[in-house]
């Protein structure tokens, strides 16, 4: 597994000043609407590694799955583990 810092220099991340470090857990703030899905989709597009998202419950996971698929437009596979 490759570890290191993923530099996010565009989109949602640069505007919010967020950094994500590979191999470490990052806790994001609670966002409104689909902004969390958009941020995850942008992370997946910019990252060369696997992105894992853990949700509180199944309905949240299903919501994120559908919204992330919309933002990625089939560029990157989105898998739901249940």
N, C-alpha and C. Protein backbone atom coordinates (compact mmCIF):
# COMPACT_ATOMS: atom_id res chain seq x y z
N UNK A 1 0.84 -1.17 0.00
CA UNK A 1 0.00 0.00 0.00
C UNK A 1 0.89 1.24 0.00
N UNK A 2 0.55 2.18 -0.84
CA UNK A 2 1.29 3.43 -0.90
C UNK A 2 0.76 4.38 0.15
N UNK A 3 1.66 5.02 0.88
CA UNK A 3 1.23 6.02 1.86
C UNK A 3 1.91 7.33 1.54
N UNK A 4 1.35 8.38 2.06
CA UNK A 4 1.90 9.72 1.82
C UNK A 4 0.79 10.74 1.87
N UNK A 5 1.10 11.96 1.52
CA UNK A 5 0.12 13.02 1.55
C UNK A 5 -0.48 13.21 0.17
N UNK A 6 -1.78 13.27 0.10
CA UNK A 6 -2.46 13.59 -1.14
C UNK A 6 -2.64 15.09 -1.17
N UNK A 7 -2.03 15.76 -2.13
CA UNK A 7 -2.13 17.21 -2.22
C UNK A 7 -3.37 17.57 -3.00
N UNK A 8 -4.25 18.29 -2.38
CA UNK A 8 -5.50 18.68 -3.01
C UNK A 8 -5.43 20.18 -3.27
N UNK A 9 -5.30 20.53 -4.53
CA UNK A 9 -5.08 21.93 -4.82
C UNK A 9 -6.18 22.57 -5.66
N UNK A 10 -7.32 21.90 -5.78
CA UNK A 10 -8.40 22.49 -6.56
C UNK A 10 -9.74 22.11 -5.98
N UNK A 11 -10.78 22.71 -6.48
CA UNK A 11 -12.14 22.35 -6.11
C UNK A 11 -12.47 22.63 -4.66
N UNK A 12 -13.33 21.77 -4.14
CA UNK A 12 -13.85 21.93 -2.78
C UNK A 12 -12.74 21.99 -1.75
N UNK A 13 -11.71 21.16 -1.92
CA UNK A 13 -10.67 21.05 -0.90
C UNK A 13 -9.86 22.32 -0.75
N UNK A 14 -9.47 22.93 -1.84
CA UNK A 14 -8.68 24.15 -1.73
C UNK A 14 -9.50 25.27 -1.11
N UNK A 15 -10.77 25.33 -1.43
CA UNK A 15 -11.62 26.38 -0.86
C UNK A 15 -11.81 26.18 0.64
N UNK A 16 -11.85 24.94 1.08
CA UNK A 16 -12.06 24.66 2.50
C UNK A 16 -10.76 24.46 3.27
N UNK A 17 -9.64 24.41 2.57
CA UNK A 17 -8.36 24.23 3.23
C UNK A 17 -8.18 22.87 3.87
N UNK A 18 -8.82 21.84 3.32
CA UNK A 18 -8.72 20.49 3.88
C UNK A 18 -7.53 19.75 3.29
N UNK A 19 -6.88 18.94 4.08
CA UNK A 19 -5.83 18.05 3.62
C UNK A 19 -6.18 16.64 4.05
N UNK A 20 -5.85 15.71 3.19
CA UNK A 20 -6.10 14.29 3.49
C UNK A 20 -4.77 13.58 3.40
N UNK A 21 -4.46 12.78 4.39
CA UNK A 21 -3.20 12.04 4.40
C UNK A 21 -3.49 10.56 4.21
N UNK A 22 -2.87 9.97 3.20
CA UNK A 22 -3.08 8.54 2.92
C UNK A 22 -2.66 7.70 4.12
N UNK A 23 -3.42 6.67 4.37
CA UNK A 23 -3.09 5.76 5.46
C UNK A 23 -3.55 6.25 6.82
N UNK A 24 -4.19 7.41 6.88
CA UNK A 24 -4.67 7.94 8.16
C UNK A 24 -6.13 8.32 8.03
N UNK A 25 -6.84 8.20 9.14
CA UNK A 25 -8.25 8.57 9.15
C UNK A 25 -8.38 10.09 9.18
N UNK A 26 -9.29 10.60 8.39
CA UNK A 26 -9.60 12.02 8.39
C UNK A 26 -11.07 12.18 8.71
N UNK A 27 -11.38 12.97 9.72
CA UNK A 27 -12.76 13.23 10.08
C UNK A 27 -13.13 14.60 9.53
N UNK A 28 -14.17 14.63 8.70
CA UNK A 28 -14.60 15.89 8.10
C UNK A 28 -15.77 16.46 8.89
N UNK A 29 -15.99 17.75 8.75
CA UNK A 29 -17.13 18.37 9.44
C UNK A 29 -18.45 17.88 8.83
N UNK A 30 -19.53 18.11 9.52
CA UNK A 30 -20.84 17.79 8.99
C UNK A 30 -21.19 18.87 7.97
N UNK A 31 -21.46 18.45 6.73
CA UNK A 31 -21.77 19.40 5.67
C UNK A 31 -23.23 19.31 5.31
N UNK A 32 -23.72 20.30 4.61
CA UNK A 32 -25.12 20.37 4.23
C UNK A 32 -25.37 19.76 2.86
N UNK A 33 -26.55 19.21 2.67
CA UNK A 33 -26.95 18.69 1.37
C UNK A 33 -26.02 17.61 0.85
N UNK A 34 -25.65 17.71 -0.42
CA UNK A 34 -24.74 16.73 -1.04
C UNK A 34 -23.31 17.20 -1.06
N UNK A 35 -22.97 18.19 -0.28
CA UNK A 35 -21.59 18.69 -0.32
C UNK A 35 -20.59 17.64 0.14
N UNK A 36 -20.99 16.75 1.05
CA UNK A 36 -20.08 15.68 1.46
C UNK A 36 -19.81 14.72 0.30
N UNK A 37 -20.85 14.40 -0.47
CA UNK A 37 -20.68 13.51 -1.62
C UNK A 37 -19.80 14.15 -2.69
N UNK A 38 -19.99 15.44 -2.93
CA UNK A 38 -19.16 16.15 -3.90
C UNK A 38 -17.70 16.15 -3.46
N UNK A 39 -17.46 16.39 -2.19
CA UNK A 39 -16.09 16.39 -1.67
C UNK A 39 -15.44 15.02 -1.80
N UNK A 40 -16.18 13.96 -1.50
CA UNK A 40 -15.65 12.60 -1.62
C UNK A 40 -15.37 12.28 -3.08
N UNK A 41 -16.27 12.67 -3.97
CA UNK A 41 -16.06 12.43 -5.40
C UNK A 41 -14.82 13.16 -5.89
N UNK A 42 -14.61 14.40 -5.47
CA UNK A 42 -13.42 15.14 -5.87
C UNK A 42 -12.16 14.50 -5.32
N UNK A 43 -12.22 14.01 -4.08
CA UNK A 43 -11.08 13.31 -3.50
C UNK A 43 -10.74 12.08 -4.33
N UNK A 44 -11.76 11.30 -4.69
CA UNK A 44 -11.54 10.09 -5.47
C UNK A 44 -10.93 10.41 -6.83
N UNK A 45 -11.34 11.51 -7.45
CA UNK A 45 -10.80 11.90 -8.74
C UNK A 45 -9.34 12.34 -8.64
N UNK A 46 -8.97 12.95 -7.53
CA UNK A 46 -7.62 13.49 -7.37
C UNK A 46 -6.65 12.48 -6.77
N UNK A 47 -7.16 11.46 -6.14
CA UNK A 47 -6.32 10.49 -5.43
C UNK A 47 -5.96 9.32 -6.34
N UNK A 48 -4.79 8.78 -6.13
CA UNK A 48 -4.37 7.59 -6.86
C UNK A 48 -4.50 6.34 -6.01
N UNK A 49 -5.15 6.47 -4.87
CA UNK A 49 -5.31 5.35 -3.95
C UNK A 49 -6.79 5.08 -3.70
N UNK A 50 -7.07 4.00 -3.04
CA UNK A 50 -8.42 3.63 -2.66
C UNK A 50 -8.95 4.63 -1.63
N UNK A 51 -10.18 5.04 -1.78
CA UNK A 51 -10.84 5.91 -0.80
C UNK A 51 -11.91 5.09 -0.09
N UNK A 52 -11.86 5.06 1.22
CA UNK A 52 -12.83 4.32 2.02
C UNK A 52 -13.63 5.31 2.83
N UNK A 53 -14.94 5.20 2.75
CA UNK A 53 -15.83 6.07 3.51
C UNK A 53 -16.64 5.19 4.45
N UNK A 54 -16.64 5.53 5.74
CA UNK A 54 -17.41 4.79 6.74
C UNK A 54 -18.55 5.70 7.18
N UNK A 55 -19.78 5.15 7.16
CA UNK A 55 -20.94 5.94 7.54
C UNK A 55 -21.55 5.42 8.83
N UNK A 56 -22.43 6.22 9.39
CA UNK A 56 -23.07 5.86 10.65
C UNK A 56 -24.06 4.71 10.49
N UNK A 57 -24.76 4.69 9.33
CA UNK A 57 -25.78 3.66 9.14
C UNK A 57 -25.97 3.38 7.64
N UNK A 58 -26.80 2.37 7.35
CA UNK A 58 -27.03 1.97 5.96
C UNK A 58 -27.70 3.05 5.12
N UNK A 59 -28.71 3.77 5.62
CA UNK A 59 -29.30 4.82 4.79
C UNK A 59 -28.29 5.89 4.38
N UNK A 60 -27.39 6.25 5.26
CA UNK A 60 -26.36 7.24 4.92
C UNK A 60 -25.42 6.68 3.86
N UNK A 61 -25.09 5.40 3.97
CA UNK A 61 -24.21 4.77 2.98
C UNK A 61 -24.88 4.73 1.61
N UNK A 62 -26.16 4.39 1.57
CA UNK A 62 -26.89 4.34 0.30
C UNK A 62 -26.99 5.73 -0.33
N UNK A 63 -27.25 6.75 0.48
CA UNK A 63 -27.33 8.12 -0.02
C UNK A 63 -26.00 8.53 -0.64
N UNK A 64 -24.91 8.30 0.09
CA UNK A 64 -23.58 8.65 -0.43
C UNK A 64 -23.26 7.89 -1.71
N UNK A 65 -23.59 6.61 -1.73
CA UNK A 65 -23.31 5.81 -2.92
C UNK A 65 -23.98 6.42 -4.15
N UNK A 66 -25.25 6.75 -4.05
CA UNK A 66 -25.99 7.30 -5.19
C UNK A 66 -25.46 8.68 -5.59
N UNK A 67 -25.20 9.52 -4.61
CA UNK A 67 -24.73 10.87 -4.92
C UNK A 67 -23.31 10.87 -5.49
N UNK A 68 -22.43 10.04 -4.94
CA UNK A 68 -21.05 9.97 -5.44
C UNK A 68 -21.05 9.44 -6.88
N UNK A 69 -21.87 8.43 -7.15
CA UNK A 69 -21.99 7.92 -8.53
C UNK A 69 -22.41 9.05 -9.48
N UNK A 70 -23.34 9.89 -9.04
CA UNK A 70 -23.80 11.01 -9.87
C UNK A 70 -22.63 11.96 -10.17
N UNK A 71 -21.87 12.34 -9.16
CA UNK A 71 -20.78 13.29 -9.35
C UNK A 71 -19.62 12.70 -10.16
N UNK A 72 -19.39 11.41 -10.04
CA UNK A 72 -18.28 10.78 -10.77
C UNK A 72 -18.64 10.43 -12.21
N UNK A 73 -19.92 10.37 -12.52
CA UNK A 73 -20.37 10.07 -13.88
C UNK A 73 -19.68 8.83 -14.46
N UNK A 74 -19.59 7.77 -13.66
CA UNK A 74 -19.01 6.47 -14.06
C UNK A 74 -17.51 6.52 -14.36
N UNK A 75 -16.81 7.56 -13.93
CA UNK A 75 -15.36 7.63 -14.14
C UNK A 75 -14.61 6.65 -13.25
N UNK A 76 -15.10 6.46 -12.03
CA UNK A 76 -14.44 5.62 -11.03
C UNK A 76 -15.52 4.71 -10.42
N UNK A 77 -15.22 3.42 -10.24
CA UNK A 77 -16.23 2.53 -9.64
C UNK A 77 -16.52 2.92 -8.19
N UNK A 78 -17.77 2.80 -7.82
CA UNK A 78 -18.22 3.05 -6.44
C UNK A 78 -18.81 1.75 -5.93
N UNK A 79 -18.27 1.23 -4.85
CA UNK A 79 -18.73 -0.04 -4.29
C UNK A 79 -19.36 0.18 -2.93
N UNK A 80 -20.41 -0.53 -2.65
CA UNK A 80 -21.06 -0.47 -1.35
C UNK A 80 -20.86 -1.81 -0.66
N UNK A 81 -20.24 -1.80 0.49
CA UNK A 81 -20.05 -3.02 1.29
C UNK A 81 -21.08 -3.01 2.41
N UNK A 82 -21.79 -4.10 2.53
CA UNK A 82 -22.80 -4.14 3.59
C UNK A 82 -22.65 -5.37 4.45
